[in-house]
Amino acid sequence: MRADIIRRIIRAYDDPIVRAYCWARFWILRQRFLDEIGQYLPASGAVLDIGCGFGLFSLYYAATAPARFVRGLDLNTRRIAMARRAASRLAIENVAYEEGDARTFKGDGEVAAAYMLDIVHHIPPDTVAPLLRRLHACLAPGGILIVKDVDTRPAPKRWFTWALDKLMAPTTPVRYWSGDELDAALRAAGFEVRRHAMLDFLPYPHVIYIATRRP
């Protein structure tokens, strides 16, 4: 059933390049990883998708939990428009998209959970701390922020990931954070943090951070 949801999401985009991108993203973050991330998201309540892009993961997490309401935020006007169109075609009503910067998102204490999937290494390093502080303020006490990103070690996996990042988005800056570095940034923003590697047969140094706002 969930594989069928993924196929339907990919088919909801007309542009063949966007379809190929969505296929690649679901191949990299395939079912096992989607389940691993999804286990930390509440089955109901408001969830933020930070840097949602074309909306593929917010569509997935909305489709797999009808009582969950997912809000996707992204700075790219075109991607937000395509995400809205895909949601309409799929008749997924528990998802909404808006163009905007998460650092200025309003709604203190109203969000049950938020997630960023491969976002931190694509944004200017000096903006990460204020973004994490804003997300901490948005979460309800006990709320969870899931950050899936790329570690700096081992170096061969980092370079493989860098090459693929540049292939998929040549003009987008890339700056990977070490596990200790991003862990410290999350703690400085007020979170309690757990992290672990997400092992893969592909040469990606995946790491997931489960950051909780204290009750």
C-alpha atoms as a PDB file:
ATOM      1  CA  MET A   1       0.000   0.000   0.000  1.00  0.00           C
ATOM      2  CA  ARG A   2       2.709   2.496   0.928  1.00  0.00           C
ATOM      3  CA  ALA A   3       4.661   1.690  -2.223  1.00  0.00           C
ATOM      4  CA  ASP A   4       1.493   2.516  -4.154  1.00  0.00           C
ATOM      5  CA  ILE A   5       1.278   5.881  -2.356  1.00  0.00           C
ATOM      6  CA  ILE A   6       4.823   6.682  -3.470  1.00  0.00           C
ATOM      7  CA  ARG A   7       4.039   5.755  -7.083  1.00  0.00           C
ATOM      8  CA  ARG A   8       0.924   7.934  -7.040  1.00  0.00           C
ATOM      9  CA  ILE A   9       2.853  10.885  -5.633  1.00  0.00           C
ATOM     10  CA  ILE A  10       5.521  10.645  -8.336  1.00  0.00           C
ATOM     11  CA  ARG A  11       2.851  10.449 -11.060  1.00  0.00           C
ATOM     12  CA  ALA A  12       1.166  13.609  -9.716  1.00  0.00           C
ATOM     13  CA  TYR A  13       3.872  15.775 -11.322  1.00  0.00           C
ATOM     14  CA  ASP A  14       3.784  16.499 -15.062  1.00  0.00           C
ATOM     15  CA  ASP A  15       7.361  17.661 -15.549  1.00  0.00           C
ATOM     16  CA  PRO A  16       9.532  14.613 -16.381  1.00  0.00           C
ATOM     17  CA  ILE A  17      12.567  16.212 -14.737  1.00  0.00           C
ATOM     18  CA  VAL A  18      10.615  16.755 -11.524  1.00  0.00           C
ATOM     19  CA  ARG A  19       9.330  13.181 -11.704  1.00  0.00           C
ATOM     20  CA  ALA A  20      12.901  11.933 -12.059  1.00  0.00           C
ATOM     21  CA  TYR A  21      13.954  14.063  -9.093  1.00  0.00           C
ATOM     22  CA  CYS A  22      11.085  12.700  -6.979  1.00  0.00           C
ATOM     23  CA  TRP A  23      11.948   9.154  -7.972  1.00  0.00           C
ATOM     24  CA  ALA A  24      15.582   9.759  -6.964  1.00  0.00           C
ATOM     25  CA  ARG A  25      14.584  11.241  -3.604  1.00  0.00           C
ATOM     26  CA  PHE A  26      12.277   8.326  -2.820  1.00  0.00           C
ATOM     27  CA  TRP A  27      15.052   5.957  -3.890  1.00  0.00           C
ATOM     28  CA  ILE A  28      17.541   7.604  -1.521  1.00  0.00           C
ATOM     29  CA  LEU A  29      15.000   7.925   1.314  1.00  0.00           C
ATOM     30  CA  ARG A  30      13.176   4.712   0.535  1.00  0.00           C
ATOM     31  CA  GLN A  31      10.589   2.860   2.570  1.00  0.00           C
ATOM     32  CA  ARG A  32      12.825   1.722   5.414  1.00  0.00           C
ATOM     33  CA  PHE A  33      14.032   5.269   6.013  1.00  0.00           C
ATOM     34  CA  LEU A  34      10.554   6.765   5.609  1.00  0.00           C
ATOM     35  CA  ASP A  35       9.327   4.359   8.288  1.00  0.00           C
ATOM     36  CA  GLU A  36      12.266   5.159  10.551  1.00  0.00           C
ATOM     37  CA  ILE A  37      11.557   8.890  10.313  1.00  0.00           C
ATOM     38  CA  GLY A  38       7.790   8.451  10.425  1.00  0.00           C
ATOM     39  CA  GLN A  39       7.823   6.518  13.703  1.00  0.00           C
ATOM     40  CA  TYR A  40       8.695   9.767  15.499  1.00  0.00           C
ATOM     41  CA  LEU A  41       5.871  11.791  13.933  1.00  0.00           C
ATOM     42  CA  PRO A  42       2.537  11.919  15.786  1.00  0.00           C
ATOM     43  CA  ALA A  43      -0.416  10.202  14.131  1.00  0.00           C
ATOM     44  CA  SER A  44      -2.467  13.370  14.636  1.00  0.00           C
ATOM     45  CA  GLY A  45      -1.817  17.059  15.088  1.00  0.00           C
ATOM     46  CA  ALA A  46       0.131  19.693  13.188  1.00  0.00           C
ATOM     47  CA  VAL A  47       3.466  18.778  11.607  1.00  0.00           C
ATOM     48  CA  LEU A  48       5.835  21.153   9.800  1.00  0.00           C
ATOM     49  CA  ASP A  49       7.853  20.102   6.742  1.00  0.00           C
ATOM     50  CA  ILE A  50      10.718  22.614   6.569  1.00  0.00           C
ATOM     51  CA  GLY A  51      12.123  23.082   3.076  1.00  0.00           C
ATOM     52  CA  CYS A  52       9.370  20.923   1.603  1.00  0.00           C
ATOM     53  CA  GLY A  53      10.376  21.547  -2.016  1.00  0.00           C
ATOM     54  CA  PHE A  54       7.946  19.870  -4.397  1.00  0.00           C
ATOM     55  CA  GLY A  55       6.060  18.423  -1.433  1.00  0.00           C
ATOM     56  CA  LEU A  56       6.741  14.752  -1.943  1.00  0.00           C
ATOM     57  CA  PHE A  57       7.512  13.862   1.683  1.00  0.00           C
ATOM     58  CA  SER A  58       4.730  16.007   3.144  1.00  0.00           C
ATOM     59  CA  LEU A  59       2.318  14.337   0.729  1.00  0.00           C
ATOM     60  CA  TYR A  60       3.578  10.941   1.843  1.00  0.00           C
ATOM     61  CA  TYR A  61       3.304  11.641   5.562  1.00  0.00           C
ATOM     62  CA  ALA A  62      -0.135  13.231   5.108  1.00  0.00           C
ATOM     63  CA  ALA A  63      -1.403  10.319   3.014  1.00  0.00           C
ATOM     64  CA  THR A  64      -0.220   7.731   5.544  1.00  0.00           C
ATOM     65  CA  ALA A  65      -1.873   9.430   8.550  1.00  0.00           C
ATOM     66  CA  PRO A  66      -5.198  11.139   7.711  1.00  0.00           C
ATOM     67  CA  ALA A  67      -5.501  12.672  11.211  1.00  0.00           C
ATOM     68  CA  ARG A  68      -2.131  14.357  10.797  1.00  0.00           C
ATOM     69  CA  PHE A  69      -2.055  17.839   9.223  1.00  0.00           C
ATOM     70  CA  VAL A  70       1.208  18.608   7.441  1.00  0.00           C
ATOM     71  CA  ARG A  71       2.237  22.163   6.580  1.00  0.00           C
ATOM     72  CA  GLY A  72       5.005  22.515   4.028  1.00  0.00           C
ATOM     73  CA  LEU A  73       7.211  25.616   3.987  1.00  0.00           C
ATOM     74  CA  ASP A  74       9.610  26.528   1.202  1.00  0.00           C
ATOM     75  CA  LEU A  75      11.150  29.669  -0.272  1.00  0.00           C
ATOM     76  CA  ASN A  76      10.720  28.506  -3.878  1.00  0.00           C
ATOM     77  CA  THR A  77       7.508  29.822  -5.471  1.00  0.00           C
ATOM     78  CA  ARG A  78       7.518  27.309  -8.324  1.00  0.00           C
ATOM     79  CA  ARG A  79       7.995  24.328  -6.050  1.00  0.00           C
ATOM     80  CA  ILE A  80       5.206  25.437  -3.733  1.00  0.00           C
ATOM     81  CA  ALA A  81       2.856  25.811  -6.722  1.00  0.00           C
ATOM     82  CA  MET A  82       3.720  22.298  -7.914  1.00  0.00           C
ATOM     83  CA  ALA A  83       3.245  20.877  -4.416  1.00  0.00           C
ATOM     84  CA  ARG A  84      -0.222  22.427  -4.202  1.00  0.00           C
ATOM     85  CA  ARG A  85      -1.131  21.060  -7.624  1.00  0.00           C
ATOM     86  CA  ALA A  86       0.038  17.573  -6.664  1.00  0.00           C
ATOM     87  CA  ALA A  87      -1.979  17.654  -3.428  1.00  0.00           C
ATOM     88  CA  SER A  88      -5.079  18.665  -5.380  1.00  0.00           C
ATOM     89  CA  ARG A  89      -4.610  15.900  -7.950  1.00  0.00           C
ATOM     90  CA  LEU A  90      -4.125  13.328  -5.219  1.00  0.00           C
ATOM     91  CA  ALA A  91      -7.108  14.682  -3.242  1.00  0.00           C
ATOM     92  CA  ILE A  92      -4.968  14.852  -0.104  1.00  0.00           C
ATOM     93  CA  GLU A  93      -6.708  17.447   2.046  1.00  0.00           C
ATOM     94  CA  ASN A  94      -4.694  17.226   5.266  1.00  0.00           C
ATOM     95  CA  VAL A  95      -1.722  19.078   3.793  1.00  0.00           C
ATOM     96  CA  ALA A  96      -1.103  22.740   2.983  1.00  0.00           C
ATOM     97  CA  TYR A  97       1.781  24.634   1.437  1.00  0.00           C
ATOM     98  CA  GLU A  98       3.030  28.149   1.853  1.00  0.00           C
ATOM     99  CA  GLU A  99       5.918  30.126   0.518  1.00  0.00           C
ATOM    100  CA  GLY A 100       7.946  31.444   3.400  1.00  0.00           C
ATOM    101  CA  ASP A 101      10.953  31.302   5.676  1.00  0.00           C
ATOM    102  CA  ALA A 102      10.711  29.022   8.706  1.00  0.00           C
ATOM    103  CA  ARG A 103      12.761  31.532  10.694  1.00  0.00           C
ATOM    104  CA  THR A 104       9.768  33.887  10.650  1.00  0.00           C
ATOM    105  CA  PHE A 105       7.070  31.232  11.091  1.00  0.00           C
ATOM    106  CA  LYS A 106       4.401  32.265  13.582  1.00  0.00           C
ATOM    107  CA  GLY A 107       2.605  29.940  15.952  1.00  0.00           C
ATOM    108  CA  ASP A 108       4.549  29.459  19.160  1.00  0.00           C
ATOM    109  CA  GLY A 109       3.826  26.174  20.907  1.00  0.00           C
ATOM    110  CA  GLU A 110       1.288  25.069  18.313  1.00  0.00           C
ATOM    111  CA  VAL A 111       3.203  22.408  16.389  1.00  0.00           C
ATOM    112  CA  ALA A 112       3.348  18.768  17.506  1.00  0.00           C
ATOM    113  CA  ALA A 113       6.373  17.937  15.358  1.00  0.00           C
ATOM    114  CA  ALA A 114       8.573  19.244  12.567  1.00  0.00           C
ATOM    115  CA  TYR A 115      11.137  17.726  10.266  1.00  0.00           C
ATOM    116  CA  MET A 116      13.949  18.750   7.924  1.00  0.00           C
ATOM    117  CA  LEU A 117      15.189  16.131   5.478  1.00  0.00           C
ATOM    118  CA  ASP A 118      18.579  16.961   3.935  1.00  0.00           C
ATOM    119  CA  ILE A 119      18.047  20.684   4.448  1.00  0.00           C
ATOM    120  CA  VAL A 120      20.676  21.813   6.956  1.00  0.00           C
ATOM    121  CA  HIS A 121      23.636  21.223   4.643  1.00  0.00           C
ATOM    122  CA  HIS A 122      22.023  23.381   1.947  1.00  0.00           C
ATOM    123  CA  ILE A 123      21.442  26.552   3.988  1.00  0.00           C
ATOM    124  CA  PRO A 124      23.989  29.195   5.058  1.00  0.00           C
ATOM    125  CA  PRO A 125      25.671  28.036   8.282  1.00  0.00           C
ATOM    126  CA  ASP A 126      24.984  31.317  10.081  1.00  0.00           C
ATOM    127  CA  THR A 127      21.228  30.853   9.581  1.00  0.00           C
ATOM    128  CA  VAL A 128      21.060  27.410  11.200  1.00  0.00           C
ATOM    129  CA  ALA A 129      21.095  28.574  14.846  1.00  0.00           C
ATOM    130  CA  PRO A 130      18.234  31.105  14.443  1.00  0.00           C
ATOM    131  CA  LEU A 131      16.247  28.531  12.470  1.00  0.00           C
ATOM    132  CA  LEU A 132      16.625  25.939  15.229  1.00  0.00           C
ATOM    133  CA  ARG A 133      15.614  28.470  17.886  1.00  0.00           C
ATOM    134  CA  ARG A 134      12.480  29.395  15.923  1.00  0.00           C
ATOM    135  CA  LEU A 135      11.531  25.755  15.468  1.00  0.00           C
ATOM    136  CA  HIS A 136      12.042  25.135  19.179  1.00  0.00           C
ATOM    137  CA  ALA A 137       9.617  27.992  19.914  1.00  0.00           C
ATOM    138  CA  CYS A 138       7.067  26.619  17.427  1.00  0.00           C
ATOM    139  CA  LEU A 139       6.915  23.205  19.057  1.00  0.00           C
ATOM    140  CA  ALA A 140       4.553  22.356  21.862  1.00  0.00           C
ATOM    141  CA  PRO A 141       6.232  21.098  25.062  1.00  0.00           C
ATOM    142  CA  GLY A 142       7.338  17.544  24.369  1.00  0.00           C
ATOM    143  CA  GLY A 143       7.221  18.199  20.614  1.00  0.00           C
ATOM    144  CA  ILE A 144       9.808  16.622  18.339  1.00  0.00           C
ATOM    145  CA  LEU A 145      12.038  18.004  15.603  1.00  0.00           C
ATOM    146  CA  ILE A 146      13.441  15.359  13.268  1.00  0.00           C
ATOM    147  CA  VAL A 147      16.574  16.333  11.362  1.00  0.00           C
ATOM    148  CA  LYS A 148      17.883  13.906   8.782  1.00  0.00           C
ATOM    149  CA  ASP A 149      21.170  15.057   7.317  1.00  0.00           C
ATOM    150  CA  VAL A 150      24.616  13.969   6.183  1.00  0.00           C
ATOM    151  CA  ASP A 151      27.606  13.404   8.445  1.00  0.00           C
ATOM    152  CA  THR A 152      31.147  14.443   7.539  1.00  0.00           C
ATOM    153  CA  ARG A 153      32.535  10.960   8.133  1.00  0.00           C
ATOM    154  CA  PRO A 154      33.567   8.681   6.633  1.00  0.00           C
ATOM    155  CA  ALA A 155      35.177  10.981   4.073  1.00  0.00           C
ATOM    156  CA  PRO A 156      34.598   8.744   0.994  1.00  0.00           C
ATOM    157  CA  LYS A 157      30.846   8.712   1.698  1.00  0.00           C
ATOM    158  CA  ARG A 158      30.868  12.479   2.226  1.00  0.00           C
ATOM    159  CA  TRP A 159      32.526  13.057  -1.146  1.00  0.00           C
ATOM    160  CA  PHE A 160      30.100  10.692  -2.868  1.00  0.00           C
ATOM    161  CA  THR A 161      27.185  12.615  -1.366  1.00  0.00           C
ATOM    162  CA  TRP A 162      28.740  15.955  -2.328  1.00  0.00           C
ATOM    163  CA  ALA A 163      29.082  14.826  -5.952  1.00  0.00           C
ATOM    164  CA  LEU A 164      25.447  13.733  -6.045  1.00  0.00           C
ATOM    165  CA  ASP A 165      24.268  16.950  -4.379  1.00  0.00           C
ATOM    166  CA  LYS A 166      26.079  18.959  -7.046  1.00  0.00           C
ATOM    167  CA  LEU A 167      24.643  16.784  -9.796  1.00  0.00           C
ATOM    168  CA  MET A 168      21.072  17.279  -8.557  1.00  0.00           C
ATOM    169  CA  ALA A 169      21.400  20.985  -7.650  1.00  0.00           C
ATOM    170  CA  PRO A 170      24.595  22.462  -9.150  1.00  0.00           C
ATOM    171  CA  THR A 171      24.064  26.031  -7.896  1.00  0.00           C
ATOM    172  CA  THR A 172      22.983  25.153  -4.361  1.00  0.00           C
ATOM    173  CA  PRO A 173      25.689  25.630  -1.702  1.00  0.00           C
ATOM    174  CA  VAL A 174      26.714  22.580   0.298  1.00  0.00           C
ATOM    175  CA  ARG A 175      28.211  22.569   3.787  1.00  0.00           C
ATOM    176  CA  TYR A 176      28.035  19.349   5.781  1.00  0.00           C
ATOM    177  CA  TRP A 177      27.966  19.420   9.586  1.00  0.00           C
ATOM    178  CA  SER A 178      29.693  16.822  11.713  1.00  0.00           C
ATOM    179  CA  GLY A 179      27.472  14.841  14.050  1.00  0.00           C
ATOM    180  CA  ASP A 180      28.927  16.528  17.122  1.00  0.00           C
ATOM    181  CA  GLU A 181      28.580  19.986  15.560  1.00  0.00           C
ATOM    182  CA  LEU A 182      24.893  19.688  14.668  1.00  0.00           C
ATOM    183  CA  ASP A 183      24.142  17.915  17.941  1.00  0.00           C
ATOM    184  CA  ALA A 184      25.660  20.888  19.804  1.00  0.00           C
ATOM    185  CA  ALA A 185      23.661  23.379  17.713  1.00  0.00           C
ATOM    186  CA  LEU A 186      20.406  21.587  18.544  1.00  0.00           C
ATOM    187  CA  ARG A 187      21.245  21.507  22.249  1.00  0.00           C
ATOM    188  CA  ALA A 188      22.151  25.212  22.179  1.00  0.00           C
ATOM    189  CA  ALA A 189      18.661  25.878  20.768  1.00  0.00           C
ATOM    190  CA  GLY A 190      17.151  24.176  23.829  1.00  0.00           C
ATOM    191  CA  PHE A 191      16.548  20.622  22.588  1.00  0.00           C
ATOM    192  CA  GLU A 192      17.257  17.289  24.180  1.00  0.00           C
ATOM    193  CA  VAL A 193      18.957  15.273  21.446  1.00  0.00           C
ATOM    194  CA  ARG A 194      19.421  11.664  20.407  1.00  0.00           C
ATOM    195  CA  ARG A 195      21.119  10.732  17.169  1.00  0.00           C
ATOM    196  CA  HIS A 196      22.158   7.650  15.264  1.00  0.00           C
ATOM    197  CA  ALA A 197      23.433   6.657  11.861  1.00  0.00           C
ATOM    198  CA  MET A 198      20.963   5.355   9.293  1.00  0.00           C
ATOM    199  CA  LEU A 199      22.890   2.504   7.702  1.00  0.00           C
ATOM    200  CA  ASP A 200      22.468   2.015   3.983  1.00  0.00           C
ATOM    201  CA  PHE A 201      23.881  -0.178   1.231  1.00  0.00           C
ATOM    202  CA  LEU A 202      24.308   3.042  -0.741  1.00  0.00           C
ATOM    203  CA  PRO A 203      27.381   5.116   0.199  1.00  0.00           C
ATOM    204  CA  TYR A 204      25.540   7.867   2.084  1.00  0.00           C
ATOM    205  CA  PRO A 205      26.576   8.914   5.622  1.00  0.00           C
ATOM    206  CA  HIS A 206      22.946   9.359   6.719  1.00  0.00           C
ATOM    207  CA  VAL A 207      22.366  10.495  10.292  1.00  0.00           C
ATOM    208  CA  ILE A 208      19.083  11.231  12.055  1.00  0.00           C
ATOM    209  CA  TYR A 209      18.661  13.566  15.022  1.00  0.00           C
ATOM    210  CA  ILE A 210      15.616  13.236  17.275  1.00  0.00           C
ATOM    211  CA  ALA A 211      15.401  16.578  19.054  1.00  0.00           C
ATOM    212  CA  THR A 212      12.753  17.028  21.741  1.00  0.00           C
ATOM    213  CA  ARG A 213      11.493  20.207  23.336  1.00  0.00           C
ATOM    214  CA  ARG A 214      11.432  19.612  27.063  1.00  0.00           C
ATOM    215  CA  PRO A 215       7.905  19.257  28.556  1.00  0.00           C
END
